[in-house]
């Protein structure tokens, strides 16, 4: 499912470009100082994003979109360059100084997150490990997907989806299939599993 349509992506991209420009320094700083979602909600940077993305978050019975947008805004303040060629989860598996940007253990912690504030903390750390060079739109889509799936889980809804449409499954596939063709097996796999 696509959460950000073309006009919303355009508005979000324009907002992010302004955030990284000289005149957006105050807004960016307000988001970078925000360590919890409540702080993000009160920041000037988030309010400026709300004004230009009404169609993205103002939906009846989809209050989770407001939270998703706040998480994305806080992360965007740490993204200096958009690298759209590679999915976000695959970027986390890329080698940096002879090791993965995000270790397998840290990646498992990211997959196990169950709260919005913890998601913000884990993703902020991942963005910083990537040096602020991230696939911005893929990350935004992923956050919206995570918040939607979490909302469905909390409300005990069971939507019809293929397994590969769930964010955690998609991230896992992208993460372990990345790495410039290097052999990468999930930590839970044993030597016997990989020989079959």
C-alpha atoms as a PDB file:
ATOM      1  CA  UNK A   1       0.000   0.000   0.000  1.00  0.00           C
ATOM      2  CA  UNK A   2       1.220   3.499  -0.822  1.00  0.00           C
ATOM      3  CA  UNK A   3       0.683   6.088   1.908  1.00  0.00           C
ATOM      4  CA  UNK A   4       2.317   9.144   0.328  1.00  0.00           C
ATOM      5  CA  UNK A   5       0.865  10.008  -3.066  1.00  0.00           C
ATOM      6  CA  UNK A   6       2.702  12.122  -5.625  1.00  0.00           C
ATOM      7  CA  UNK A   7       1.406  15.533  -4.494  1.00  0.00           C
ATOM      8  CA  UNK A   8       2.107  14.651  -0.844  1.00  0.00           C
ATOM      9  CA  UNK A   9       5.622  13.478  -1.720  1.00  0.00           C
ATOM     10  CA  UNK A  10       6.180  16.746  -3.540  1.00  0.00           C
ATOM     11  CA  UNK A  11       4.966  18.832  -0.569  1.00  0.00           C
ATOM     12  CA  UNK A  12       7.064  16.774   1.832  1.00  0.00           C
ATOM     13  CA  UNK A  13      10.142  17.024  -0.432  1.00  0.00           C
ATOM     14  CA  UNK A  14       9.757  20.812  -0.662  1.00  0.00           C
ATOM     15  CA  UNK A  15       9.412  21.058   3.124  1.00  0.00           C
ATOM     16  CA  UNK A  16      12.549  18.932   3.617  1.00  0.00           C
ATOM     17  CA  UNK A  17      14.545  21.052   1.144  1.00  0.00           C
ATOM     18  CA  UNK A  18      13.512  24.202   3.032  1.00  0.00           C
ATOM     19  CA  UNK A  19      14.432  22.519   6.315  1.00  0.00           C
ATOM     20  CA  UNK A  20      17.988  21.988   5.059  1.00  0.00           C
ATOM     21  CA  UNK A  21      18.267  25.513   3.630  1.00  0.00           C
ATOM     22  CA  UNK A  22      19.603  28.455   5.610  1.00  0.00           C
ATOM     23  CA  UNK A  23      16.137  29.798   6.380  1.00  0.00           C
ATOM     24  CA  UNK A  24      15.044  26.433   7.810  1.00  0.00           C
ATOM     25  CA  UNK A  25      17.766  26.209  10.456  1.00  0.00           C
ATOM     26  CA  UNK A  26      15.436  27.237  13.302  1.00  0.00           C
ATOM     27  CA  UNK A  27      12.810  24.679  12.288  1.00  0.00           C
ATOM     28  CA  UNK A  28      15.419  21.935  11.881  1.00  0.00           C
ATOM     29  CA  UNK A  29      16.940  22.760  15.270  1.00  0.00           C
ATOM     30  CA  UNK A  30      13.534  22.540  16.973  1.00  0.00           C
ATOM     31  CA  UNK A  31      13.085  19.013  15.594  1.00  0.00           C
ATOM     32  CA  UNK A  32      16.610  17.889  16.440  1.00  0.00           C
ATOM     33  CA  UNK A  33      16.100  18.982  20.040  1.00  0.00           C
ATOM     34  CA  UNK A  34      12.954  16.830  20.262  1.00  0.00           C
ATOM     35  CA  UNK A  35      13.701  13.442  21.813  1.00  0.00           C
ATOM     36  CA  UNK A  36      10.130  12.259  22.424  1.00  0.00           C
ATOM     37  CA  UNK A  37       7.002  12.448  20.325  1.00  0.00           C
ATOM     38  CA  UNK A  38       5.424  14.946  22.714  1.00  0.00           C
ATOM     39  CA  UNK A  39       8.388  17.252  22.132  1.00  0.00           C
ATOM     40  CA  UNK A  40       8.079  16.758  18.357  1.00  0.00           C
ATOM     41  CA  UNK A  41       4.358  17.633  18.477  1.00  0.00           C
ATOM     42  CA  UNK A  42       5.227  20.967  20.126  1.00  0.00           C
ATOM     43  CA  UNK A  43       8.108  21.864  17.813  1.00  0.00           C
ATOM     44  CA  UNK A  44       7.985  24.643  15.224  1.00  0.00           C
ATOM     45  CA  UNK A  45       9.412  22.296  12.603  1.00  0.00           C
ATOM     46  CA  UNK A  46       6.546  19.844  12.954  1.00  0.00           C
ATOM     47  CA  UNK A  47       3.918  22.583  12.852  1.00  0.00           C
ATOM     48  CA  UNK A  48       5.404  23.884   9.604  1.00  0.00           C
ATOM     49  CA  UNK A  49       5.056  20.388   8.102  1.00  0.00           C
ATOM     50  CA  UNK A  50       1.450  20.046   9.304  1.00  0.00           C
ATOM     51  CA  UNK A  51       0.424  23.175   7.420  1.00  0.00           C
ATOM     52  CA  UNK A  52       1.645  21.878   4.051  1.00  0.00           C
ATOM     53  CA  UNK A  53       0.457  18.250   4.340  1.00  0.00           C
ATOM     54  CA  UNK A  54      -3.201  18.388   5.455  1.00  0.00           C
ATOM     55  CA  UNK A  55      -4.293  15.639   3.064  1.00  0.00           C
ATOM     56  CA  UNK A  56      -1.663  13.285   4.452  1.00  0.00           C
ATOM     57  CA  UNK A  57      -2.679  13.288   8.102  1.00  0.00           C
ATOM     58  CA  UNK A  58      -6.228  14.689   8.359  1.00  0.00           C
ATOM     59  CA  UNK A  59      -8.185  11.475   7.846  1.00  0.00           C
ATOM     60  CA  UNK A  60     -11.104  10.302   9.942  1.00  0.00           C
ATOM     61  CA  UNK A  61     -10.459   7.078  11.898  1.00  0.00           C
ATOM     62  CA  UNK A  62      -6.769   7.193  10.963  1.00  0.00           C
ATOM     63  CA  UNK A  63      -5.343   9.168  13.875  1.00  0.00           C
ATOM     64  CA  UNK A  64      -2.120   7.133  13.609  1.00  0.00           C
ATOM     65  CA  UNK A  65      -1.187   9.256  10.566  1.00  0.00           C
ATOM     66  CA  UNK A  66      -0.535  12.270  12.818  1.00  0.00           C
ATOM     67  CA  UNK A  67       1.941  10.241  14.881  1.00  0.00           C
ATOM     68  CA  UNK A  68       3.573   8.817  11.752  1.00  0.00           C
ATOM     69  CA  UNK A  69       4.061  12.303  10.349  1.00  0.00           C
ATOM     70  CA  UNK A  70       5.648  13.455  13.616  1.00  0.00           C
ATOM     71  CA  UNK A  71       8.136  10.566  13.535  1.00  0.00           C
ATOM     72  CA  UNK A  72       8.987  11.299   9.906  1.00  0.00           C
ATOM     73  CA  UNK A  73       9.460  15.008  10.660  1.00  0.00           C
ATOM     74  CA  UNK A  74      11.845  14.252  13.525  1.00  0.00           C
ATOM     75  CA  UNK A  75      13.859  11.868  11.343  1.00  0.00           C
ATOM     76  CA  UNK A  76      13.898  14.243   8.362  1.00  0.00           C
ATOM     77  CA  UNK A  77      15.688  16.837  10.502  1.00  0.00           C
ATOM     78  CA  UNK A  78      18.670  14.445  10.619  1.00  0.00           C
ATOM     79  CA  UNK A  79      18.635  13.615   6.893  1.00  0.00           C
ATOM     80  CA  UNK A  80      20.996  15.801   4.902  1.00  0.00           C
ATOM     81  CA  UNK A  81      20.949  13.945   1.561  1.00  0.00           C
ATOM     82  CA  UNK A  82      18.225  11.936  -0.119  1.00  0.00           C
ATOM     83  CA  UNK A  83      19.525   8.679  -1.677  1.00  0.00           C
ATOM     84  CA  UNK A  84      16.468   7.234  -3.452  1.00  0.00           C
ATOM     85  CA  UNK A  85      18.205   4.417  -5.366  1.00  0.00           C
ATOM     86  CA  UNK A  86      18.362   1.916  -2.486  1.00  0.00           C
ATOM     87  CA  UNK A  87      15.564   1.006  -0.036  1.00  0.00           C
ATOM     88  CA  UNK A  88      16.119   2.186   3.531  1.00  0.00           C
ATOM     89  CA  UNK A  89      16.480  -1.318   5.054  1.00  0.00           C
ATOM     90  CA  UNK A  90      19.024  -2.279   2.376  1.00  0.00           C
ATOM     91  CA  UNK A  91      21.016   0.877   3.184  1.00  0.00           C
ATOM     92  CA  UNK A  92      21.279  -0.360   6.782  1.00  0.00           C
ATOM     93  CA  UNK A  93      23.023  -3.541   5.597  1.00  0.00           C
ATOM     94  CA  UNK A  94      25.624  -1.779   3.465  1.00  0.00           C
ATOM     95  CA  UNK A  95      29.229  -2.162   4.540  1.00  0.00           C
ATOM     96  CA  UNK A  96      30.896   0.780   6.230  1.00  0.00           C
ATOM     97  CA  UNK A  97      34.438   0.391   7.602  1.00  0.00           C
ATOM     98  CA  UNK A  98      34.316  -3.388   6.943  1.00  0.00           C
ATOM     99  CA  UNK A  99      31.061  -3.967   8.825  1.00  0.00           C
ATOM    100  CA  UNK A 100      27.363  -3.411   8.289  1.00  0.00           C
ATOM    101  CA  UNK A 101      26.065   0.074   8.991  1.00  0.00           C
ATOM    102  CA  UNK A 102      23.487  -1.410  11.368  1.00  0.00           C
ATOM    103  CA  UNK A 103      24.547  -4.703  12.927  1.00  0.00           C
ATOM    104  CA  UNK A 104      22.271  -7.729  12.809  1.00  0.00           C
ATOM    105  CA  UNK A 105      21.601  -7.395  16.536  1.00  0.00           C
ATOM    106  CA  UNK A 106      20.610  -3.721  16.244  1.00  0.00           C
ATOM    107  CA  UNK A 107      18.459  -4.594  13.231  1.00  0.00           C
ATOM    108  CA  UNK A 108      16.628  -7.240  15.313  1.00  0.00           C
ATOM    109  CA  UNK A 109      16.037  -4.609  18.001  1.00  0.00           C
ATOM    110  CA  UNK A 110      14.545  -2.319  15.357  1.00  0.00           C
ATOM    111  CA  UNK A 111      12.198  -5.084  14.197  1.00  0.00           C
ATOM    112  CA  UNK A 112      11.124  -5.793  17.785  1.00  0.00           C
ATOM    113  CA  UNK A 113      10.077  -2.197  18.552  1.00  0.00           C
ATOM    114  CA  UNK A 114       6.560  -1.884  19.972  1.00  0.00           C
ATOM    115  CA  UNK A 115       6.179   1.810  20.850  1.00  0.00           C
ATOM    116  CA  UNK A 116       6.225   4.985  18.797  1.00  0.00           C
ATOM    117  CA  UNK A 117       8.867   6.671  20.959  1.00  0.00           C
ATOM    118  CA  UNK A 118      11.107   3.611  20.729  1.00  0.00           C
ATOM    119  CA  UNK A 119      10.645   3.523  16.940  1.00  0.00           C
ATOM    120  CA  UNK A 120      11.715   7.164  16.806  1.00  0.00           C
ATOM    121  CA  UNK A 121      14.815   6.425  18.926  1.00  0.00           C
ATOM    122  CA  UNK A 122      15.857   3.366  16.913  1.00  0.00           C
ATOM    123  CA  UNK A 123      15.308   5.013  13.521  1.00  0.00           C
ATOM    124  CA  UNK A 124      17.061   8.221  14.575  1.00  0.00           C
ATOM    125  CA  UNK A 125      20.094   6.124  15.542  1.00  0.00           C
ATOM    126  CA  UNK A 126      19.944   4.306  12.178  1.00  0.00           C
ATOM    127  CA  UNK A 127      19.775   7.602  10.256  1.00  0.00           C
ATOM    128  CA  UNK A 128      22.768   8.905  12.203  1.00  0.00           C
ATOM    129  CA  UNK A 129      24.737   5.713  11.484  1.00  0.00           C
ATOM    130  CA  UNK A 130      23.998   6.289   7.781  1.00  0.00           C
ATOM    131  CA  UNK A 131      25.495   9.770   8.104  1.00  0.00           C
ATOM    132  CA  UNK A 132      22.205  11.451   7.197  1.00  0.00           C
ATOM    133  CA  UNK A 133      22.292   9.953   3.678  1.00  0.00           C
ATOM    134  CA  UNK A 134      18.995   8.092   3.492  1.00  0.00           C
ATOM    135  CA  UNK A 135      16.220   7.172   1.073  1.00  0.00           C
ATOM    136  CA  UNK A 136      13.855   9.770   2.524  1.00  0.00           C
ATOM    137  CA  UNK A 137      10.626   8.731   0.798  1.00  0.00           C
ATOM    138  CA  UNK A 138      11.148   5.017   1.444  1.00  0.00           C
ATOM    139  CA  UNK A 139      11.785   5.773   5.120  1.00  0.00           C
ATOM    140  CA  UNK A 140       8.641   7.944   5.272  1.00  0.00           C
ATOM    141  CA  UNK A 141       6.536   5.203   3.620  1.00  0.00           C
ATOM    142  CA  UNK A 142       7.996   2.673   6.047  1.00  0.00           C
ATOM    143  CA  UNK A 143       7.105   4.778   9.094  1.00  0.00           C
ATOM    144  CA  UNK A 144       3.536   5.235   7.844  1.00  0.00           C
ATOM    145  CA  UNK A 145       3.286   1.500   7.196  1.00  0.00           C
ATOM    146  CA  UNK A 146       4.667   0.671  10.681  1.00  0.00           C
ATOM    147  CA  UNK A 147       2.174   3.020  12.367  1.00  0.00           C
ATOM    148  CA  UNK A 148      -0.735   1.616  10.354  1.00  0.00           C
ATOM    149  CA  UNK A 149       0.225  -1.984  11.180  1.00  0.00           C
ATOM    150  CA  UNK A 150       0.686  -1.108  14.852  1.00  0.00           C
ATOM    151  CA  UNK A 151      -2.726   0.566  14.925  1.00  0.00           C
ATOM    152  CA  UNK A 152      -4.278  -2.558  13.373  1.00  0.00           C
ATOM    153  CA  UNK A 153      -2.508  -4.761  15.931  1.00  0.00           C
ATOM    154  CA  UNK A 154      -3.702  -2.668  18.876  1.00  0.00           C
ATOM    155  CA  UNK A 155      -7.286  -2.688  17.563  1.00  0.00           C
ATOM    156  CA  UNK A 156      -7.103  -6.441  16.855  1.00  0.00           C
ATOM    157  CA  UNK A 157      -7.832  -5.997  13.161  1.00  0.00           C
ATOM    158  CA  UNK A 158      -6.760  -8.671  10.693  1.00  0.00           C
ATOM    159  CA  UNK A 159      -6.484  -7.109   7.241  1.00  0.00           C
ATOM    160  CA  UNK A 160      -5.930  -9.356   4.239  1.00  0.00           C
ATOM    161  CA  UNK A 161      -2.282  -9.012   3.261  1.00  0.00           C
ATOM    162  CA  UNK A 162       0.346 -11.208   1.720  1.00  0.00           C
ATOM    163  CA  UNK A 163       3.185 -11.919   4.158  1.00  0.00           C
ATOM    164  CA  UNK A 164       5.645  -9.877   2.077  1.00  0.00           C
ATOM    165  CA  UNK A 165       3.420  -6.803   2.406  1.00  0.00           C
ATOM    166  CA  UNK A 166       4.126  -6.514   6.141  1.00  0.00           C
ATOM    167  CA  UNK A 167       6.815  -3.959   6.879  1.00  0.00           C
ATOM    168  CA  UNK A 168       8.918  -6.151   9.164  1.00  0.00           C
ATOM    169  CA  UNK A 169       8.999  -8.925   6.548  1.00  0.00           C
ATOM    170  CA  UNK A 170       9.853  -6.469   3.770  1.00  0.00           C
ATOM    171  CA  UNK A 171      12.619  -4.846   5.841  1.00  0.00           C
ATOM    172  CA  UNK A 172      14.062  -8.256   6.710  1.00  0.00           C
ATOM    173  CA  UNK A 173      14.148  -9.319   3.068  1.00  0.00           C
ATOM    174  CA  UNK A 174      15.762  -6.052   1.951  1.00  0.00           C
ATOM    175  CA  UNK A 175      18.296  -6.081   4.785  1.00  0.00           C
ATOM    176  CA  UNK A 176      19.490  -9.661   4.278  1.00  0.00           C
ATOM    177  CA  UNK A 177      19.442  -9.490   0.470  1.00  0.00           C
ATOM    178  CA  UNK A 178      21.611  -6.369   0.486  1.00  0.00           C
ATOM    179  CA  UNK A 179      25.333  -6.166   1.029  1.00  0.00           C
ATOM    180  CA  UNK A 180      26.781  -6.082  -2.504  1.00  0.00           C
ATOM    181  CA  UNK A 181      26.223  -9.780  -3.090  1.00  0.00           C
ATOM    182  CA  UNK A 182      27.925 -10.792   0.154  1.00  0.00           C
ATOM    183  CA  UNK A 183      26.605 -13.931   1.808  1.00  0.00           C
ATOM    184  CA  UNK A 184      24.358 -12.786   4.628  1.00  0.00           C
ATOM    185  CA  UNK A 185      22.219 -15.187   6.624  1.00  0.00           C
ATOM    186  CA  UNK A 186      19.817 -14.128   9.355  1.00  0.00           C
ATOM    187  CA  UNK A 187      21.257 -14.555  12.876  1.00  0.00           C
ATOM    188  CA  UNK A 188      18.644 -17.206  13.738  1.00  0.00           C
ATOM    189  CA  UNK A 189      19.832 -19.475  10.897  1.00  0.00           C
ATOM    190  CA  UNK A 190      22.172 -22.314  11.791  1.00  0.00           C
ATOM    191  CA  UNK A 191      24.957 -23.845   9.736  1.00  0.00           C
ATOM    192  CA  UNK A 192      22.697 -26.830   8.995  1.00  0.00           C
ATOM    193  CA  UNK A 193      19.973 -24.512   7.685  1.00  0.00           C
ATOM    194  CA  UNK A 194      22.344 -22.797   5.251  1.00  0.00           C
ATOM    195  CA  UNK A 195      23.606 -26.118   3.787  1.00  0.00           C
ATOM    196  CA  UNK A 196      20.194 -27.320   2.663  1.00  0.00           C
END
